Amino acid sequence: MTAPDGAVLAASAALDSVESVAALFQPVVELATGTVVGYEALARWPSPSLAVPEDVFALARERGMVGRVDVACRAAALRAARECAYSRRVRFFLNIEPGCFADERDVATHLDAIGDDLDVVLEITERDLDRNVPLLMALVRGARARGMSVAMDDVGATPATLELLAAVAPDIVKLDASIIRSPYRSRAAVRQVRAYVRTSDAVLLAEGIETHRHLRRAKSLGATLGQGWLFGRPLPLPNPPI
């Protein structure tokens, strides 16, 4: 893990108390109306760690703990959603690490633990996406068999997200924030994503929308859903609408 000493210490402290992780939720909105249609669960570790999730997962990968961290983060999100009695009233975007499974039985165990009482979009992260493609596809099949939608996260951030787009066939394509913020450096990725969306029923979701300029850019690319600080920062889950 290449990070300043303070970041490494914070990540290490988080791994020493993995189960202390909490979930914050960032709204996913319909760009045409601004209506909140879902929430993405994001991991946060409390003081004194205050570790950055990317650093925690990087160190967990070095220590062979990715699976444990992944499960703890998802469990915290599910617990928060159930405590607020959301049921299936909105969609919950839950991240899952595709490279942490030992075999197909392990995939099934992780998916069964999610349950079926919430409207879940399983968000496949870009980390280790191409590490074991057969298990990745087992994850996708298993999620759909259990009634979950599938999203691919940070599409355009790495070559693997584009190379595996057609194979995974996500219901929701989450454009990496860099595409919204630096459009001229990502034209090839944009062309590939738009071609996939045109030939499928997939929905395009733009991440990292922080300004009205970003919002206009997202709409110009064909995104119908979005998330970012313009719509709301990650916060504890609000009570469901009556």
C-alpha atoms as a PDB file:
ATOM      1  CA  MET A   1       0.000   0.000   0.000  1.00  0.00           C
ATOM      2  CA  THR A   2       1.500   3.335  -1.094  1.00  0.00           C
ATOM      3  CA  ALA A   3       0.156   6.012   1.225  1.00  0.00           C
ATOM      4  CA  PRO A   4       1.407   8.474   3.840  1.00  0.00           C
ATOM      5  CA  ASP A   5       2.214   6.969   7.237  1.00  0.00           C
ATOM      6  CA  GLY A   6      -0.847   8.580   8.804  1.00  0.00           C
ATOM      7  CA  ALA A   7      -3.152   7.045   6.208  1.00  0.00           C
ATOM      8  CA  VAL A   8      -1.608   3.610   6.706  1.00  0.00           C
ATOM      9  CA  LEU A   9      -2.029   3.871  10.470  1.00  0.00           C
ATOM     10  CA  ALA A  10      -5.661   4.960  10.068  1.00  0.00           C
ATOM     11  CA  ALA A  11      -6.379   2.087   7.681  1.00  0.00           C
ATOM     12  CA  SER A  12      -4.670  -0.355  10.021  1.00  0.00           C
ATOM     13  CA  ALA A  13      -6.765   0.882  12.945  1.00  0.00           C
ATOM     14  CA  ALA A  14      -9.904   0.392  10.861  1.00  0.00           C
ATOM     15  CA  LEU A  15      -8.906  -3.190  10.055  1.00  0.00           C
ATOM     16  CA  ASP A  16      -8.294  -3.844  13.733  1.00  0.00           C
ATOM     17  CA  SER A  17     -11.946  -2.981  14.346  1.00  0.00           C
ATOM     18  CA  VAL A  18     -13.595  -3.996  11.079  1.00  0.00           C
ATOM     19  CA  GLU A  19     -17.024  -4.474  12.622  1.00  0.00           C
ATOM     20  CA  SER A  20     -17.090  -0.868  13.854  1.00  0.00           C
ATOM     21  CA  VAL A  21     -17.724   0.289  10.292  1.00  0.00           C
ATOM     22  CA  ALA A  22     -20.851   2.379   9.775  1.00  0.00           C
ATOM     23  CA  ALA A  23     -22.808   3.126   6.630  1.00  0.00           C
ATOM     24  CA  LEU A  24     -23.572   6.552   5.267  1.00  0.00           C
ATOM     25  CA  PHE A  25     -25.899   6.969   2.311  1.00  0.00           C
ATOM     26  CA  GLN A  26     -25.616   9.226  -0.715  1.00  0.00           C
ATOM     27  CA  PRO A  27     -28.808   9.873  -2.669  1.00  0.00           C
ATOM     28  CA  VAL A  28     -29.237   8.682  -6.232  1.00  0.00           C
ATOM     29  CA  VAL A  29     -31.546  11.028  -8.101  1.00  0.00           C
ATOM     30  CA  GLU A  30     -33.532  11.155 -11.298  1.00  0.00           C
ATOM     31  CA  LEU A  31     -31.781  13.903 -13.243  1.00  0.00           C
ATOM     32  CA  ALA A  32     -34.911  15.166 -14.982  1.00  0.00           C
ATOM     33  CA  THR A  33     -36.769  15.853 -11.742  1.00  0.00           C
ATOM     34  CA  GLY A  34     -34.260  15.711  -8.892  1.00  0.00           C
ATOM     35  CA  THR A  35     -36.369  13.025  -7.226  1.00  0.00           C
ATOM     36  CA  VAL A  36     -34.454  10.671  -4.933  1.00  0.00           C
ATOM     37  CA  VAL A  37     -34.890   7.136  -6.250  1.00  0.00           C
ATOM     38  CA  GLY A  38     -32.279   5.336  -4.188  1.00  0.00           C
ATOM     39  CA  TYR A  39     -29.203   5.505  -1.992  1.00  0.00           C
ATOM     40  CA  GLU A  40     -25.680   4.195  -2.332  1.00  0.00           C
ATOM     41  CA  ALA A  41     -24.258   2.831   0.909  1.00  0.00           C
ATOM     42  CA  LEU A  42     -20.735   4.078   1.625  1.00  0.00           C
ATOM     43  CA  ALA A  43     -18.450   2.768   4.365  1.00  0.00           C
ATOM     44  CA  ARG A  44     -17.113   5.050   7.073  1.00  0.00           C
ATOM     45  CA  TRP A  45     -14.992   4.213  10.098  1.00  0.00           C
ATOM     46  CA  PRO A  46     -15.513   6.216  13.285  1.00  0.00           C
ATOM     47  CA  SER A  47     -12.943   8.135  15.310  1.00  0.00           C
ATOM     48  CA  PRO A  48     -10.111   7.616  16.155  1.00  0.00           C
ATOM     49  CA  SER A  49      -9.493   5.896  12.813  1.00  0.00           C
ATOM     50  CA  LEU A  50     -11.378   8.156  10.345  1.00  0.00           C
ATOM     51  CA  ALA A  51      -9.806   6.008   7.652  1.00  0.00           C
ATOM     52  CA  VAL A  52     -10.419   6.565   3.958  1.00  0.00           C
ATOM     53  CA  PRO A  53     -12.259   3.512   2.537  1.00  0.00           C
ATOM     54  CA  GLU A  54      -9.907   3.257  -0.459  1.00  0.00           C
ATOM     55  CA  ASP A  55      -6.950   3.001   1.926  1.00  0.00           C
ATOM     56  CA  VAL A  56      -8.728   0.431   4.073  1.00  0.00           C
ATOM     57  CA  PHE A  57      -9.474  -1.809   1.093  1.00  0.00           C
ATOM     58  CA  ALA A  58      -5.936  -1.429  -0.254  1.00  0.00           C
ATOM     59  CA  LEU A  59      -4.452  -2.532   3.059  1.00  0.00           C
ATOM     60  CA  ALA A  60      -7.078  -5.264   3.422  1.00  0.00           C
ATOM     61  CA  ARG A  61      -5.987  -6.606   0.055  1.00  0.00           C
ATOM     62  CA  GLU A  62      -2.386  -6.793   1.248  1.00  0.00           C
ATOM     63  CA  ARG A  63      -3.468  -8.612   4.410  1.00  0.00           C
ATOM     64  CA  GLY A  64      -5.937 -10.970   2.742  1.00  0.00           C
ATOM     65  CA  MET A  65      -8.904  -9.386   4.530  1.00  0.00           C
ATOM     66  CA  VAL A  66     -10.935  -7.997   1.628  1.00  0.00           C
ATOM     67  CA  GLY A  67     -13.732 -10.516   2.041  1.00  0.00           C
ATOM     68  CA  ARG A  68     -14.126  -9.758   5.731  1.00  0.00           C
ATOM     69  CA  VAL A  69     -14.197  -5.997   5.167  1.00  0.00           C
ATOM     70  CA  ASP A  70     -16.611  -6.380   2.253  1.00  0.00           C
ATOM     71  CA  VAL A  71     -19.065  -8.383   4.358  1.00  0.00           C
ATOM     72  CA  ALA A  72     -18.840  -5.954   7.298  1.00  0.00           C
ATOM     73  CA  CYS A  73     -19.558  -2.937   5.088  1.00  0.00           C
ATOM     74  CA  ARG A  74     -22.562  -4.567   3.475  1.00  0.00           C
ATOM     75  CA  ALA A  75     -23.915  -5.780   6.821  1.00  0.00           C
ATOM     76  CA  ALA A  76     -23.713  -2.245   8.239  1.00  0.00           C
ATOM     77  CA  ALA A  77     -25.660  -0.889   5.269  1.00  0.00           C
ATOM     78  CA  LEU A  78     -28.351  -3.550   5.472  1.00  0.00           C
ATOM     79  CA  ARG A  79     -28.703  -3.052   9.206  1.00  0.00           C
ATOM     80  CA  ALA A  80     -29.203   0.700   8.781  1.00  0.00           C
ATOM     81  CA  ALA A  81     -31.796   0.226   6.032  1.00  0.00           C
ATOM     82  CA  ARG A  82     -33.768  -2.254   8.108  1.00  0.00           C
ATOM     83  CA  GLU A  83     -33.618  -0.109  11.237  1.00  0.00           C
ATOM     84  CA  CYS A  84     -35.258   2.689   9.237  1.00  0.00           C
ATOM     85  CA  ALA A  85     -37.920   0.249   8.002  1.00  0.00           C
ATOM     86  CA  TYR A  86     -37.355   1.025   4.346  1.00  0.00           C
ATOM     87  CA  SER A  87     -38.458  -2.364   3.064  1.00  0.00           C
ATOM     88  CA  ARG A  88     -38.643  -2.144  -0.765  1.00  0.00           C
ATOM     89  CA  ARG A  89     -39.666   1.517  -0.967  1.00  0.00           C
ATOM     90  CA  VAL A  90     -36.421   2.741  -2.557  1.00  0.00           C
ATOM     91  CA  ARG A  91     -33.415   1.090  -4.166  1.00  0.00           C
ATOM     92  CA  PHE A  92     -30.246   0.465  -2.201  1.00  0.00           C
ATOM     93  CA  PHE A  93     -26.972   0.339  -4.074  1.00  0.00           C
ATOM     94  CA  LEU A  94     -24.694  -2.074  -2.208  1.00  0.00           C
ATOM     95  CA  ASN A  95     -21.067  -2.496  -3.231  1.00  0.00           C
ATOM     96  CA  ILE A  96     -19.525  -5.919  -3.584  1.00  0.00           C
ATOM     97  CA  GLU A  97     -15.895  -6.814  -4.247  1.00  0.00           C
ATOM     98  CA  PRO A  98     -15.721  -9.265  -7.180  1.00  0.00           C
ATOM     99  CA  GLY A  99     -12.238 -10.518  -6.320  1.00  0.00           C
ATOM    100  CA  CYS A 100     -12.891 -11.823  -2.815  1.00  0.00           C
ATOM    101  CA  PHE A 101     -14.682 -15.106  -3.571  1.00  0.00           C
ATOM    102  CA  ALA A 102     -13.115 -18.536  -3.204  1.00  0.00           C
ATOM    103  CA  ASP A 103     -15.650 -20.413  -5.334  1.00  0.00           C
ATOM    104  CA  GLU A 104     -19.278 -20.397  -6.487  1.00  0.00           C
ATOM    105  CA  ARG A 105     -20.485 -21.662  -3.111  1.00  0.00           C
ATOM    106  CA  ASP A 106     -18.810 -18.653  -1.513  1.00  0.00           C
ATOM    107  CA  VAL A 107     -20.587 -16.382  -4.003  1.00  0.00           C
ATOM    108  CA  ALA A 108     -23.936 -17.923  -3.080  1.00  0.00           C
ATOM    109  CA  THR A 109     -23.257 -17.489   0.646  1.00  0.00           C
ATOM    110  CA  HIS A 110     -22.522 -13.780   0.209  1.00  0.00           C
ATOM    111  CA  LEU A 111     -25.646 -13.240  -1.889  1.00  0.00           C
ATOM    112  CA  ASP A 112     -27.933 -15.201   0.433  1.00  0.00           C
ATOM    113  CA  ALA A 113     -26.772 -13.038   3.345  1.00  0.00           C
ATOM    114  CA  ILE A 114     -28.277  -9.962   1.670  1.00  0.00           C
ATOM    115  CA  GLY A 115     -31.824 -11.294   1.952  1.00  0.00           C
ATOM    116  CA  ASP A 116     -34.820 -10.348  -0.174  1.00  0.00           C
ATOM    117  CA  ASP A 117     -36.645  -7.730   1.908  1.00  0.00           C
ATOM    118  CA  LEU A 118     -34.952  -4.717   0.252  1.00  0.00           C
ATOM    119  CA  ASP A 119     -34.787  -3.518  -3.344  1.00  0.00           C
ATOM    120  CA  VAL A 120     -31.068  -4.074  -3.864  1.00  0.00           C
ATOM    121  CA  VAL A 121     -28.859  -3.001  -6.732  1.00  0.00           C
ATOM    122  CA  LEU A 122     -25.673  -5.001  -6.422  1.00  0.00           C
ATOM    123  CA  GLU A 123     -22.890  -2.623  -7.384  1.00  0.00           C
ATOM    124  CA  ILE A 124     -19.834  -4.483  -8.662  1.00  0.00           C
ATOM    125  CA  THR A 125     -16.714  -2.474  -7.894  1.00  0.00           C
ATOM    126  CA  GLU A 126     -13.904  -1.995 -10.393  1.00  0.00           C
ATOM    127  CA  ARG A 127     -11.294  -3.441  -8.024  1.00  0.00           C
ATOM    128  CA  ASP A 128     -10.039  -6.879  -9.153  1.00  0.00           C
ATOM    129  CA  LEU A 129     -12.838  -6.964 -11.713  1.00  0.00           C
ATOM    130  CA  ASP A 130     -10.986  -9.284 -14.096  1.00  0.00           C
ATOM    131  CA  ARG A 131      -9.259 -11.402 -11.452  1.00  0.00           C
ATOM    132  CA  ASN A 132     -11.616 -14.357 -11.913  1.00  0.00           C
ATOM    133  CA  VAL A 133     -14.137 -13.809 -14.685  1.00  0.00           C
ATOM    134  CA  PRO A 134     -16.013 -17.129 -14.194  1.00  0.00           C
ATOM    135  CA  LEU A 135     -16.715 -16.205 -10.557  1.00  0.00           C
ATOM    136  CA  LEU A 136     -17.657 -12.685 -11.637  1.00  0.00           C
ATOM    137  CA  MET A 137     -20.248 -14.140 -13.986  1.00  0.00           C
ATOM    138  CA  ALA A 138     -21.486 -16.486 -11.245  1.00  0.00           C
ATOM    139  CA  LEU A 139     -21.973 -13.399  -9.081  1.00  0.00           C
ATOM    140  CA  VAL A 140     -24.004 -11.675 -11.795  1.00  0.00           C
ATOM    141  CA  ARG A 141     -26.167 -14.744 -12.440  1.00  0.00           C
ATOM    142  CA  GLY A 142     -26.705 -15.315  -8.738  1.00  0.00           C
ATOM    143  CA  ALA A 143     -27.725 -11.730  -8.087  1.00  0.00           C
ATOM    144  CA  ARG A 144     -30.290 -11.768 -10.872  1.00  0.00           C
ATOM    145  CA  ALA A 145     -31.645 -15.149  -9.778  1.00  0.00           C
ATOM    146  CA  ARG A 146     -32.332 -13.567  -6.373  1.00  0.00           C
ATOM    147  CA  GLY A 147     -34.193 -10.613  -7.864  1.00  0.00           C
ATOM    148  CA  MET A 148     -31.404  -8.052  -7.572  1.00  0.00           C
ATOM    149  CA  SER A 149     -30.407  -5.590 -10.253  1.00  0.00           C
ATOM    150  CA  VAL A 150     -26.742  -5.335 -11.224  1.00  0.00           C
ATOM    151  CA  ALA A 151     -24.708  -2.162 -11.584  1.00  0.00           C
ATOM    152  CA  MET A 152     -21.109  -1.808 -12.713  1.00  0.00           C
ATOM    153  CA  ASP A 153     -19.236   0.846 -10.769  1.00  0.00           C
ATOM    154  CA  ASP A 154     -16.720   3.414 -12.038  1.00  0.00           C
ATOM    155  CA  VAL A 155     -17.074   2.426 -15.681  1.00  0.00           C
ATOM    156  CA  GLY A 156     -14.286   4.040 -17.653  1.00  0.00           C
ATOM    157  CA  ALA A 157     -11.899   4.198 -14.687  1.00  0.00           C
ATOM    158  CA  THR A 158     -10.000   1.081 -15.775  1.00  0.00           C
ATOM    159  CA  PRO A 159      -9.765  -0.869 -19.048  1.00  0.00           C
ATOM    160  CA  ALA A 160     -11.406  -3.892 -17.401  1.00  0.00           C
ATOM    161  CA  THR A 161     -14.648  -1.991 -16.789  1.00  0.00           C
ATOM    162  CA  LEU A 162     -14.987  -1.429 -20.519  1.00  0.00           C
ATOM    163  CA  GLU A 163     -13.696  -4.825 -21.628  1.00  0.00           C
ATOM    164  CA  LEU A 164     -16.208  -6.677 -19.442  1.00  0.00           C
ATOM    165  CA  LEU A 165     -19.167  -4.369 -19.992  1.00  0.00           C
ATOM    166  CA  ALA A 166     -20.903  -6.541 -22.573  1.00  0.00           C
ATOM    167  CA  ALA A 167     -20.229  -9.771 -20.667  1.00  0.00           C
ATOM    168  CA  VAL A 168     -21.568  -8.486 -17.350  1.00  0.00           C
ATOM    169  CA  ALA A 169     -24.449  -6.690 -19.116  1.00  0.00           C
ATOM    170  CA  PRO A 170     -25.253  -4.456 -16.130  1.00  0.00           C
ATOM    171  CA  ASP A 171     -28.728  -3.033 -15.685  1.00  0.00           C
ATOM    172  CA  ILE A 172     -27.129   0.222 -14.529  1.00  0.00           C
ATOM    173  CA  VAL A 173     -23.855   1.627 -15.850  1.00  0.00           C
ATOM    174  CA  LYS A 174     -22.231   4.007 -13.367  1.00  0.00           C
ATOM    175  CA  LEU A 175     -19.973   6.398 -15.238  1.00  0.00           C
ATOM    176  CA  ASP A 176     -16.766   7.168 -13.401  1.00  0.00           C
ATOM    177  CA  ALA A 177     -16.592  10.732 -12.092  1.00  0.00           C
ATOM    178  CA  SER A 178     -13.518  11.433 -14.239  1.00  0.00           C
ATOM    179  CA  ILE A 179     -15.664  11.187 -17.370  1.00  0.00           C
ATOM    180  CA  ILE A 180     -17.960  13.925 -16.111  1.00  0.00           C
ATOM    181  CA  ARG A 181     -15.115  16.146 -14.947  1.00  0.00           C
ATOM    182  CA  SER A 182     -12.611  15.606 -17.788  1.00  0.00           C
ATOM    183  CA  PRO A 183     -14.741  14.796 -20.839  1.00  0.00           C
ATOM    184  CA  TYR A 184     -12.094  15.415 -23.479  1.00  0.00           C
ATOM    185  CA  ARG A 185      -9.766  12.795 -22.017  1.00  0.00           C
ATOM    186  CA  SER A 186     -12.399  10.071 -22.060  1.00  0.00           C
ATOM    187  CA  ARG A 187     -13.991  10.206 -25.503  1.00  0.00           C
ATOM    188  CA  ALA A 188     -13.217   6.575 -26.348  1.00  0.00           C
ATOM    189  CA  ALA A 189     -14.749   5.369 -23.090  1.00  0.00           C
ATOM    190  CA  VAL A 190     -17.829   7.507 -23.655  1.00  0.00           C
ATOM    191  CA  ARG A 191     -18.314   6.093 -27.154  1.00  0.00           C
ATOM    192  CA  GLN A 192     -18.090   2.534 -25.879  1.00  0.00           C
ATOM    193  CA  VAL A 193     -20.492   3.112 -23.004  1.00  0.00           C
ATOM    194  CA  ARG A 194     -23.044   4.901 -25.164  1.00  0.00           C
ATOM    195  CA  ALA A 195     -22.886   2.107 -27.740  1.00  0.00           C
ATOM    196  CA  TYR A 196     -23.639  -0.438 -25.007  1.00  0.00           C
ATOM    197  CA  VAL A 197     -26.526   1.598 -23.604  1.00  0.00           C
ATOM    198  CA  ARG A 198     -28.036   2.037 -27.081  1.00  0.00           C
ATOM    199  CA  THR A 199     -28.106  -1.717 -27.686  1.00  0.00           C
ATOM    200  CA  SER A 200     -29.391  -2.702 -24.246  1.00  0.00           C
ATOM    201  CA  ASP A 201     -32.002  -1.654 -21.734  1.00  0.00           C
ATOM    202  CA  ALA A 202     -29.316  -0.355 -19.384  1.00  0.00           C
ATOM    203  CA  VAL A 203     -29.683   2.895 -17.475  1.00  0.00           C
ATOM    204  CA  LEU A 204     -26.789   5.354 -17.397  1.00  0.00           C
ATOM    205  CA  LEU A 205     -25.921   6.856 -14.004  1.00  0.00           C
ATOM    206  CA  ALA A 206     -23.356   9.648 -13.711  1.00  0.00           C
ATOM    207  CA  GLU A 207     -21.213   9.783 -10.578  1.00  0.00           C
ATOM    208  CA  GLY A 208     -19.412  12.755  -9.085  1.00  0.00           C
ATOM    209  CA  ILE A 209     -21.873  15.487 -10.059  1.00  0.00           C
ATOM    210  CA  GLU A 210     -20.787  18.468  -7.963  1.00  0.00           C
ATOM    211  CA  THR A 211     -21.744  21.467 -10.112  1.00  0.00           C
ATOM    212  CA  HIS A 212     -24.459  22.467 -12.551  1.00  0.00           C
ATOM    213  CA  ARG A 213     -21.857  22.195 -15.293  1.00  0.00           C
ATOM    214  CA  HIS A 214     -21.301  18.560 -14.335  1.00  0.00           C
ATOM    215  CA  LEU A 215     -25.071  18.080 -14.400  1.00  0.00           C
ATOM    216  CA  ARG A 216     -25.350  19.479 -17.919  1.00  0.00           C
ATOM    217  CA  ARG A 217     -22.484  17.257 -19.026  1.00  0.00           C
ATOM    218  CA  ALA A 218     -24.138  14.175 -17.520  1.00  0.00           C
ATOM    219  CA  LYS A 219     -27.406  14.888 -19.298  1.00  0.00           C
ATOM    220  CA  SER A 220     -25.602  15.489 -22.591  1.00  0.00           C
ATOM    221  CA  LEU A 221     -24.099  12.000 -22.314  1.00  0.00           C
ATOM    222  CA  GLY A 222     -27.536  10.472 -21.880  1.00  0.00           C
ATOM    223  CA  ALA A 223     -27.436   9.865 -18.131  1.00  0.00           C
ATOM    224  CA  THR A 224     -30.878   9.699 -16.539  1.00  0.00           C
ATOM    225  CA  LEU A 225     -29.685   9.050 -12.989  1.00  0.00           C
ATOM    226  CA  GLY A 226     -26.949  10.742 -11.013  1.00  0.00           C
ATOM    227  CA  GLN A 227     -25.284  11.210  -7.679  1.00  0.00           C
ATOM    228  CA  GLY A 228     -22.806  13.653  -6.214  1.00  0.00           C
ATOM    229  CA  TRP A 229     -22.482  16.538  -3.799  1.00  0.00           C
ATOM    230  CA  LEU A 230     -24.806  18.692  -5.909  1.00  0.00           C
ATOM    231  CA  PHE A 231     -27.652  16.446  -4.726  1.00  0.00           C
ATOM    232  CA  GLY A 232     -26.366  15.459  -1.312  1.00  0.00           C
ATOM    233  CA  ARG A 233     -23.333  14.298   0.607  1.00  0.00           C
ATOM    234  CA  PRO A 234     -23.151  10.909   2.311  1.00  0.00           C
ATOM    235  CA  LEU A 235     -25.207  11.123   5.509  1.00  0.00           C
ATOM    236  CA  PRO A 236     -27.048   8.805   7.882  1.00  0.00           C
ATOM    237  CA  LEU A 237     -30.097   7.337   6.202  1.00  0.00           C
ATOM    238  CA  PRO A 238     -33.176   9.572   6.564  1.00  0.00           C
ATOM    239  CA  ASN A 239     -36.498   8.153   7.614  1.00  0.00           C
ATOM    240  CA  PRO A 240     -38.494   6.807   4.671  1.00  0.00           C
ATOM    241  CA  PRO A 241     -41.205   9.022   3.182  1.00  0.00           C
ATOM    242  CA  ILE A 242     -44.664   8.444   4.568  1.00  0.00           C
END
